[in-house]
Protein backbone atom coordinates (compact mmCIF):
# COMPACT_ATOMS: atom_id res chain seq x y z
CA MET A 1 54.06 77.67 -5.18
CA MET A 2 57.68 77.69 -4.42
CA ASN A 3 59.18 75.68 -1.34
CA ASN A 4 62.11 77.16 0.37
CA SER A 5 64.70 75.64 -1.90
CA ARG A 6 66.99 77.58 -3.32
CA LEU A 7 66.52 78.45 -7.18
CA LEU A 8 68.87 76.55 -9.44
CA LEU A 9 70.95 78.67 -12.52
CA TRP A 10 70.61 76.37 -15.24
CA ARG A 11 73.36 76.88 -18.18
CA PHE A 12 72.11 76.51 -21.88
CA GLN A 13 74.13 74.75 -23.91
CA ARG A 14 73.91 74.09 -27.63
CA THR A 15 76.61 71.51 -29.00
CA THR A 16 76.32 70.55 -32.85
CA SER A 17 77.69 68.10 -35.07
CA LYS A 18 77.31 66.99 -38.68
CA ASN A 19 73.74 65.56 -38.35
CA THR A 20 72.64 67.02 -35.21
CA LYS A 21 71.85 69.77 -32.96
CA ARG A 22 71.55 68.89 -28.86
CA ILE A 23 70.17 71.40 -26.54
CA VAL A 24 70.90 70.52 -22.90
CA LEU A 25 69.88 72.50 -19.43
CA GLU A 26 71.66 71.72 -16.53
CA PRO A 27 72.32 72.78 -13.15
CA THR A 28 75.44 74.46 -12.61
CA ARG A 29 75.37 76.82 -9.02
CA VAL A 30 72.96 77.97 -7.03
CA PHE A 31 71.94 81.32 -6.05
CA SER A 32 72.52 82.82 -3.10
CA ARG A 33 69.20 84.40 -3.15
CA VAL A 34 66.04 82.38 -1.91
CA MET A 35 63.49 82.84 -4.46
CA THR A 36 60.69 82.34 -1.51
CA ARG A 37 61.58 86.11 -1.24
CA VAL A 38 59.89 86.41 -4.65
CA ILE A 39 56.82 84.65 -4.08
CA SER A 40 56.10 86.12 -0.95
CA ARG A 41 56.26 89.88 -2.30
CA ASP A 42 52.57 91.44 -1.98
CA PHE A 43 51.65 92.82 -5.52
CA SER A 44 48.97 94.32 -4.14
CA THR A 45 50.80 97.39 -2.87
CA GLN A 46 51.38 98.56 -5.87
CA THR A 47 48.14 99.25 -8.39
CA LYS A 48 50.65 99.44 -11.64
CA GLN A 49 52.81 96.33 -12.53
CA ASP A 50 54.87 95.78 -15.49
CA ILE A 51 54.68 92.06 -17.06
CA LEU A 52 57.11 90.97 -19.44
CA VAL A 53 56.22 88.33 -21.74
CA LEU A 54 58.49 86.01 -23.73
CA ASN A 55 57.93 83.49 -26.52
CA ALA A 56 61.80 82.06 -27.49
CA GLY A 57 61.67 80.10 -30.41
CA SER A 58 64.61 77.92 -31.96
CA SER A 59 65.93 81.19 -33.50
CA SER A 60 64.17 83.98 -32.35
CA LEU A 61 63.08 85.86 -28.87
CA LYS A 62 59.73 87.96 -29.35
CA PHE A 63 58.76 89.86 -26.48
CA ASN A 64 55.91 92.09 -25.15
CA LEU A 65 56.25 94.59 -22.36
CA PHE A 66 52.97 95.11 -20.87
CA SER A 67 51.79 97.60 -18.05
CA VAL A 68 49.08 96.39 -15.66
CA ASP A 69 46.24 98.24 -14.01
CA MET A 70 45.41 95.31 -10.74
CA GLY A 71 42.80 97.26 -9.86
CA SER A 72 41.01 97.46 -13.18
CA ASN A 73 42.52 94.61 -14.43
CA SER A 74 43.64 96.59 -17.95
CA VAL A 75 46.38 95.56 -19.40
CA SER A 76 48.10 97.27 -22.42
CA SER A 77 51.20 96.64 -24.63
CA VAL A 78 54.33 99.72 -23.91
CA LEU A 79 56.78 97.99 -26.14
CA ASN A 80 57.05 95.00 -27.74
CA GLY A 81 59.83 93.39 -30.81
CA ALA A 82 61.85 90.45 -31.80
CA ALA A 83 65.09 89.30 -31.95
CA ASN A 84 65.79 86.91 -35.10
CA GLY A 85 69.11 85.15 -36.28
CA LEU A 86 69.80 83.35 -32.89
CA THR A 87 71.21 80.35 -34.55
CA VAL A 88 74.04 78.30 -33.61
CA THR A 89 75.58 78.21 -37.11
CA GLY A 90 76.47 81.93 -37.00
CA ASP A 91 75.72 82.40 -40.95
CA VAL A 92 73.08 85.43 -40.34
CA ASP A 93 73.57 88.40 -38.14
CA PRO A 94 71.37 88.23 -34.95
CA VAL A 95 68.93 91.60 -35.65
CA ILE A 96 66.81 92.82 -33.25
CA LYS A 97 63.55 95.43 -33.54
CA ILE A 98 61.70 96.62 -31.10
CA LYS A 99 58.60 99.28 -31.30
CA GLN A 100 56.55 101.31 -29.13
CA GLY A 101 53.03 101.19 -30.61
CA ASP A 102 53.89 101.57 -34.44
CA LYS A 103 56.57 103.77 -34.00
CA THR A 104 60.24 101.59 -34.48
CA LEU A 105 62.49 102.38 -31.60
CA ILE A 106 65.36 100.35 -32.43
CA SER A 107 66.49 98.25 -35.81
CA ASP A 108 69.97 96.90 -34.97
CA VAL A 109 72.50 93.79 -34.99
CA ILE A 110 73.41 92.50 -31.26
CA SER A 111 76.50 91.40 -29.92
CA SER A 112 75.92 87.59 -29.72
CA PRO A 113 73.31 85.20 -31.70
CA THR A 114 72.11 83.56 -28.18
CA HIS A 115 68.91 84.08 -26.53
CA SER A 116 71.04 85.29 -23.36
CA ALA A 117 72.71 88.38 -25.49
CA ALA A 118 69.00 89.10 -26.96
CA LEU A 119 67.33 89.35 -23.61
CA SER A 120 70.17 91.42 -22.07
CA PHE A 121 69.61 93.96 -25.14
CA ILE A 122 65.70 93.37 -24.19
CA ALA A 123 66.20 94.66 -20.67
CA ASP A 124 68.65 97.52 -21.21
CA THR A 125 65.99 98.85 -23.78
CA ILE A 126 63.27 98.51 -21.04
CA ARG A 127 65.06 99.85 -18.65
CA SER A 128 65.73 102.92 -20.79
CA HIS A 129 62.59 103.68 -22.32
CA SER A 130 60.03 102.42 -20.09
CA SER A 131 60.58 100.49 -16.47
CA GLU A 132 63.03 99.78 -14.15
CA ASN A 133 61.31 96.89 -12.27
CA ILE A 134 59.78 94.04 -13.61
CA SER A 135 57.09 92.15 -11.51
CA ALA A 136 56.74 89.08 -13.40
CA VAL A 137 58.32 87.47 -17.15
CA GLY A 138 55.43 85.35 -18.83
CA HIS A 139 56.45 82.11 -20.82
CA ARG A 140 55.09 80.19 -23.65
CA ILE A 141 55.85 77.08 -23.45
CA VAL A 142 54.63 74.18 -26.02
CA HIS A 143 54.66 71.12 -23.95
CA GLY A 144 53.60 70.55 -20.55
CA GLY A 145 52.65 66.95 -20.74
CA THR A 146 50.00 65.55 -18.03
CA VAL A 147 52.71 67.36 -15.30
CA PHE A 148 51.54 71.09 -16.12
CA PRO A 149 47.65 71.12 -16.83
CA GLU A 150 47.61 74.75 -16.09
CA SER A 151 49.85 77.65 -15.75
CA CYS A 152 52.27 78.10 -12.76
CA ILE A 153 55.23 79.84 -11.01
CA VAL A 154 58.41 78.24 -12.41
CA ASP A 155 60.91 77.66 -9.52
CA ASP A 156 63.78 75.01 -9.54
CA SER A 157 61.76 71.74 -8.97
CA ALA A 158 59.21 72.84 -11.84
CA LEU A 159 62.28 73.74 -14.43
CA GLU A 160 63.99 70.62 -13.76
CA GLU A 161 60.24 68.75 -14.12
CA LEU A 162 60.38 70.94 -17.38
CA SER A 163 63.61 69.65 -18.55
CA GLN A 164 62.28 66.44 -18.68
CA LEU A 165 59.80 66.88 -20.99
CA ASN A 166 62.09 68.56 -23.73
CA SER A 167 61.71 64.90 -25.99
CA LEU A 168 58.04 65.61 -26.18
CA ALA A 169 58.70 68.57 -28.25
CA PRO A 170 62.53 68.62 -29.35
CA LEU A 171 61.91 71.75 -31.87
CA HIS A 172 60.42 73.69 -28.77
CA ASN A 173 60.92 72.94 -25.46
CA PRO A 174 64.46 73.42 -25.06
CA HIS A 175 64.38 77.13 -26.69
CA ASN A 176 61.35 77.98 -24.50
CA LEU A 177 63.29 76.85 -21.51
CA ALA A 178 66.23 78.80 -22.75
CA GLY A 179 63.98 81.99 -22.36
CA ILE A 180 63.31 81.15 -18.51
CA VAL A 181 67.02 80.68 -17.63
CA ALA A 182 67.75 83.88 -19.28
CA ALA A 183 65.17 86.00 -17.83
CA ALA A 184 65.81 84.56 -14.27
CA GLU A 185 69.69 85.64 -14.79
CA THR A 186 68.45 89.20 -15.86
CA PHE A 187 65.66 89.91 -13.66
CA PRO A 188 66.25 88.20 -10.39
CA GLY A 189 63.40 89.69 -8.82
CA ALA A 190 60.38 89.00 -11.09
CA LEU A 191 58.34 85.75 -11.16
CA GLN A 192 58.80 83.60 -13.73
CA VAL A 193 55.47 82.19 -15.02
CA GLY A 194 55.28 79.40 -17.74
CA VAL A 195 51.86 79.19 -20.02
CA PHE A 196 51.51 76.28 -21.58
CA ASP A 197 50.24 75.36 -24.94
CA THR A 198 49.00 72.43 -24.01
CA GLY A 199 46.84 73.48 -20.77
CA TYR A 200 43.77 74.78 -22.55
CA HIS A 201 43.44 70.58 -23.63
CA ALA A 202 43.66 68.87 -20.22
CA THR A 203 40.02 68.76 -20.36
CA ILE A 204 39.96 66.52 -23.37
CA PRO A 205 38.28 63.59 -22.23
CA GLU A 206 39.86 60.09 -22.25
CA HIS A 207 38.25 58.54 -25.01
CA ALA A 208 39.15 61.23 -27.65
CA HIS A 209 42.87 61.48 -26.52
CA THR A 210 43.71 57.85 -26.08
CA TYR A 211 45.59 56.32 -29.43
CA ALA A 212 44.16 52.58 -30.56
CA LEU A 213 47.74 51.18 -28.93
CA PRO A 214 48.48 48.32 -26.71
CA ARG A 215 47.52 49.49 -23.78
CA GLN A 216 51.00 49.57 -22.17
CA LEU A 217 51.77 51.78 -24.91
CA ALA A 218 48.69 53.67 -24.99
CA THR A 219 49.08 55.16 -21.54
CA LYS A 220 52.39 56.74 -22.12
CA TYR A 221 51.67 58.03 -25.80
CA ARG A 222 48.68 59.80 -26.10
CA LYS A 223 47.17 63.20 -27.55
CA TYR A 224 47.90 66.39 -25.65
CA GLY A 225 46.77 68.95 -28.50
CA PHE A 226 48.75 72.29 -28.97
CA HIS A 227 48.05 76.25 -29.38
CA GLY A 228 45.79 76.29 -26.52
CA THR A 229 46.67 79.68 -25.69
CA SER A 230 45.59 81.06 -28.91
CA HIS A 231 42.18 78.85 -28.89
CA LYS A 232 41.23 80.02 -25.43
CA TYR A 233 41.76 83.43 -26.31
CA VAL A 234 39.77 83.50 -29.22
CA VAL A 235 37.14 81.81 -27.74
CA GLU A 236 36.56 83.95 -25.16
CA GLN A 237 36.66 86.89 -27.77
CA ALA A 238 34.29 85.06 -29.57
CA ALA A 239 31.67 84.18 -26.82
CA GLN A 240 32.02 88.05 -25.93
CA PHE A 241 31.51 89.25 -29.00
CA LEU A 242 28.16 86.75 -29.03
CA GLY A 243 27.20 88.05 -25.67
CA LYS A 244 27.27 84.75 -24.28
CA GLU A 245 29.25 83.56 -21.32
CA ARG A 246 29.93 79.83 -22.64
CA ILE A 247 29.97 78.58 -26.70
CA ASN A 248 30.22 75.81 -28.56
CA ALA A 249 32.82 76.49 -31.45
CA ILE A 250 35.10 74.73 -33.54
CA SER A 251 38.41 77.34 -33.59
CA PHE A 252 41.15 77.18 -36.56
CA HIS A 253 44.21 78.75 -35.85
CA LEU A 254 45.95 78.36 -39.22
CA GLY A 255 49.47 79.82 -39.59
CA ASN A 256 52.65 78.33 -40.15
CA GLY A 257 51.77 75.80 -37.69
CA CYS A 258 47.95 74.68 -38.00
CA SER A 259 45.55 73.29 -35.36
CA VAL A 260 41.66 72.90 -35.03
CA ALA A 261 40.26 72.62 -31.56
CA CYS A 262 36.92 71.45 -31.29
CA ILE A 263 34.94 73.60 -28.17
CA LYS A 264 32.20 72.77 -26.26
CA ASN A 265 30.94 75.18 -23.46
CA ASN A 266 34.16 77.05 -23.73
CA LYS A 267 36.45 74.38 -23.00
CA SER A 268 38.70 71.93 -25.33
CA ILE A 269 37.16 68.44 -26.00
CA ASP A 270 39.29 67.27 -29.08
CA THR A 271 42.18 69.47 -31.47
CA THR A 272 43.83 67.85 -34.45
CA MET A 273 47.50 67.95 -32.87
CA GLY A 274 48.58 64.72 -30.93
CA TYR A 275 51.61 63.57 -28.69
CA THR A 276 53.47 66.38 -31.24
CA PRO A 277 52.98 69.36 -33.10
CA LEU A 278 53.40 67.30 -35.88
CA ALA A 279 50.10 65.80 -36.18
CA GLY A 280 46.60 66.94 -37.68
CA LEU A 281 46.92 69.43 -40.78
CA PRO A 282 49.36 69.98 -43.60
CA MET A 283 51.48 72.76 -42.34
CA GLY A 284 54.16 75.00 -43.55
CA SER A 285 56.74 72.39 -43.78
CA ARG A 286 55.15 70.05 -41.33
CA SER A 287 53.17 67.06 -43.03
CA GLY A 288 50.21 66.68 -40.68
CA ASP A 289 48.41 63.36 -40.52
CA ILE A 290 49.74 60.67 -42.72
CA ASP A 291 49.82 56.92 -43.22
CA PRO A 292 52.27 55.14 -40.22
CA SER A 293 53.23 52.88 -42.72
CA ILE A 294 55.04 55.07 -44.91
CA ILE A 295 57.14 56.15 -41.93
CA ILE A 296 58.32 52.30 -41.62
CA LYS A 297 58.62 51.91 -45.69
CA LEU A 298 61.08 54.92 -45.34
CA LEU A 299 63.15 53.10 -42.68
CA GLN A 300 63.05 49.52 -43.70
CA ASP A 301 62.86 50.05 -47.47
CA GLU A 302 64.48 53.60 -48.84
CA GLY A 303 67.17 53.18 -46.17
CA TYR A 304 66.58 56.79 -44.31
CA THR A 305 67.69 57.08 -40.51
CA SER A 306 65.35 57.89 -38.18
CA GLU A 307 67.11 61.24 -37.89
CA GLU A 308 66.35 61.99 -41.80
CA VAL A 309 62.66 60.68 -41.58
CA SER A 310 61.92 63.43 -38.52
CA ASP A 311 63.56 66.31 -40.69
CA ILE A 312 61.52 65.51 -43.75
CA LEU A 313 58.25 65.15 -41.53
CA HIS A 314 59.04 68.23 -39.79
CA ASN A 315 60.82 70.22 -41.92
CA GLN A 316 60.52 69.18 -45.82
CA SER A 317 57.02 68.37 -46.15
CA GLY A 318 53.60 70.24 -45.83
CA LEU A 319 53.06 73.30 -48.17
CA TYR A 320 56.75 73.26 -48.65
CA GLY A 321 57.16 69.77 -49.69
CA ILE A 322 54.19 70.01 -52.62
CA SER A 323 54.77 73.29 -53.56
CA GLY A 324 58.60 74.43 -52.69
CA SER A 325 57.06 77.18 -50.12
CA SER A 326 56.30 77.02 -46.95
CA ASP A 327 54.36 80.59 -46.64
CA SER A 328 50.93 80.04 -46.70
CA LEU A 329 50.37 83.43 -48.43
CA THR A 330 52.92 82.58 -50.98
CA VAL A 331 51.07 79.84 -51.67
CA GLU A 332 47.36 81.60 -52.04
CA ARG A 333 49.41 84.32 -54.74
CA GLY A 334 50.62 81.00 -56.58
CA TYR A 335 46.79 79.09 -56.37
CA LYS A 336 45.50 82.43 -58.01
CA ASN A 337 48.15 82.76 -60.60
CA GLY A 338 47.03 79.35 -61.83
CA ASP A 339 50.33 77.61 -60.72
CA PRO A 340 50.13 73.90 -60.62
CA GLY A 341 52.02 73.24 -57.76
CA TYR A 342 50.41 76.43 -55.40
CA LYS A 343 46.98 75.24 -56.24
CA LEU A 344 47.50 71.58 -55.41
CA ALA A 345 49.07 72.46 -52.36
CA PHE A 346 46.41 75.04 -51.37
CA ASN A 347 43.66 72.89 -52.44
CA VAL A 348 45.33 69.94 -50.14
CA PHE A 349 45.08 72.43 -46.95
CA ALA A 350 41.48 73.66 -47.56
CA TYR A 351 40.63 70.09 -48.15
CA ASN A 352 41.76 69.15 -44.81
CA VAL A 353 40.76 72.07 -43.17
CA LYS A 354 37.00 71.34 -44.32
CA LYS A 355 37.22 67.76 -43.36
CA PHE A 356 38.05 68.67 -39.42
CA LEU A 357 35.47 71.35 -39.81
CA GLY A 358 32.69 68.39 -40.84
CA ALA A 359 34.24 66.21 -38.52
CA TYR A 360 33.96 68.35 -35.14
CA THR A 361 30.20 69.85 -35.96
CA ALA A 362 29.33 66.07 -35.83
CA VAL A 363 31.21 65.42 -32.37
CA LEU A 364 29.13 68.90 -31.37
CA ASN A 365 26.00 66.92 -32.89
CA ASN A 366 25.53 69.96 -35.10
CA GLU A 367 24.91 72.55 -31.91
CA VAL A 368 27.82 74.93 -32.94
CA ASP A 369 27.52 78.48 -31.90
CA CYS A 370 30.34 80.19 -34.22
CA ILE A 371 33.29 78.77 -36.37
CA ILE A 372 36.62 80.58 -35.58
CA PHE A 373 39.51 81.83 -38.08
CA THR A 374 42.84 83.20 -36.47
CA GLY A 375 46.45 82.76 -37.27
CA GLY A 376 48.32 84.18 -40.06
CA ILE A 377 46.44 82.73 -42.88
CA GLY A 378 43.05 81.94 -40.96
CA GLU A 379 42.74 85.93 -40.42
CA ASN A 380 44.00 87.32 -43.58
CA SER A 381 42.61 84.91 -46.49
CA PRO A 382 38.74 85.35 -47.55
CA LEU A 383 39.84 82.90 -50.49
CA LEU A 384 40.43 80.09 -47.62
CA HIS A 385 37.35 81.28 -45.63
CA ASN A 386 35.24 80.60 -48.69
CA LEU A 387 36.87 77.29 -50.04
CA VAL A 388 36.53 75.77 -46.14
CA CYS A 389 32.75 77.06 -45.70
CA GLU A 390 31.32 76.62 -49.10
CA GLY A 391 28.26 74.45 -49.28
CA LEU A 392 28.07 74.49 -45.31
CA HIS A 393 27.99 78.09 -44.20
CA PRO A 394 27.44 80.95 -46.41
CA VAL A 395 30.20 83.77 -46.04
CA THR A 396 30.47 87.31 -47.27
CA HIS A 397 33.19 89.76 -46.84
CA ASP A 398 31.54 92.97 -46.80
CA ASN A 399 32.35 93.73 -43.51
CA TYR A 400 35.42 92.06 -43.00
CA SER A 401 38.40 94.05 -42.29
CA ARG A 402 42.53 92.93 -41.09
CA ASP A 403 41.97 95.83 -38.77
CA ASN A 404 38.85 94.57 -36.93
CA GLN A 405 39.78 92.07 -33.40
CA VAL A 406 36.55 90.54 -34.48
CA SER A 407 34.96 90.38 -37.86
CA ASP A 408 31.45 88.47 -38.75
CA ILE A 409 31.50 87.20 -42.63
CA SER A 410 28.22 85.00 -41.82
CA ALA A 411 25.82 85.69 -44.58
CA ALA A 412 22.35 86.35 -44.05
CA GLY A 413 20.66 83.50 -43.01
CA SER A 414 23.56 81.55 -41.63
CA SER A 415 22.58 79.45 -38.71
CA THR A 416 26.04 79.54 -37.45
CA ARG A 417 28.14 82.49 -37.20
CA VAL A 418 31.70 82.53 -39.22
CA LEU A 419 34.05 84.32 -36.90
CA VAL A 420 37.67 86.04 -38.17
CA VAL A 421 39.15 86.81 -34.98
CA LYS A 422 42.72 88.55 -34.00
CA THR A 423 44.82 86.55 -31.72
CA ASN A 424 46.86 87.83 -29.17
CA GLU A 425 48.97 84.71 -27.06
CA GLU A 426 51.42 87.39 -25.61
CA LEU A 427 48.19 89.42 -24.04
CA ALA A 428 46.80 86.04 -22.68
CA ILE A 429 50.09 84.88 -21.72
CA ALA A 430 50.05 88.65 -19.40
CA ARG A 431 46.69 88.14 -17.96
CA GLU A 432 47.94 84.04 -16.58
CA CYS A 433 50.54 85.95 -15.00
CA VAL A 434 48.42 88.91 -13.55
CA LYS A 435 46.30 85.46 -12.15
CA LEU A 436 49.38 83.97 -10.18
CA MET A 437 50.12 87.53 -9.05
CA ARG A 438 47.06 87.66 -6.87
């Protein structure tokens, strides 16, 4: 809950130099309105509420506007879209596309490559096509640390605490916070709600989130885990599909970023990403797990700076490093065409995914109700399903469809169900907003 302090208006700054891009959030003045007026609103007086969900990336701003029936809890999408090309360099045009269902309403270039300009355009479109009154704005925030184990209403003190966590996810959190700043300015009467990728993994036990470092370091540097909003959503969808309240599952979120979550009774008990989203599986351009001695070698013997090593691990590794492409579907096509680089990249990826399937099956004492594939390639690659499950859980794609919310690809006689579940992080965030509005 918010206290009686006034909400700070924060300025989002981006400064660039030859080798770095720095993002800063700092308070510049105080709104005259006391934010307790917003939190004190009684949302139960209106059956219909409009909730805007924002996912702010480094160069993009995705959104989805939902209409919510507070009586029946039904949530339906009204408008959705994305602005891309929001870069400090200005070398590409900032383009926005907005859709209503499957119909494209707008495809245009916006005036300025900033999150604020993109959100202003989105707000004008919302007002002209749908709603004059946004009740809440839900924000995907990648890292909540130990301070934010669950979704919360973002007030000035929460925003200040969040800004202190930027170093934990420097490629993500500053841009997530920029979306909050822009939304607070654009929709001053709306609740600002933060939903954290790390939140679902707050249930991971100490023995699983502790690194084997000296104790004074291990208490500071620990596993957090990410993609929690997606993992939680698909686990709930899978449980509903199986007709169970609680399930044990292994959830594979496989897109440009990749992670596996080990689920016991609907709760996360381990995951492959760690202190940052760099750990675990090889990804589009991220290395995933490597021998830490390689980093020491690069710094001490190869003459790389820490910034250069960070760039290698985050932007030049993974599928991109092995094959020259960070797009998993491109790599898959190359695999099928027999290209050696693409084939090696896809085999490295599938091998590591399968390795964690075995590891987490053991963690769950072989009591696994289902395996879940989700995310871009997770939802769309029968080849990956076959390679990962081969020899463990027979699969068939006779009833598989990319249009299904849930596809059961388990072969007859399989003791563990293998499901392909479409993720919907925006819908999950909207539902978190509804909980905090009650």
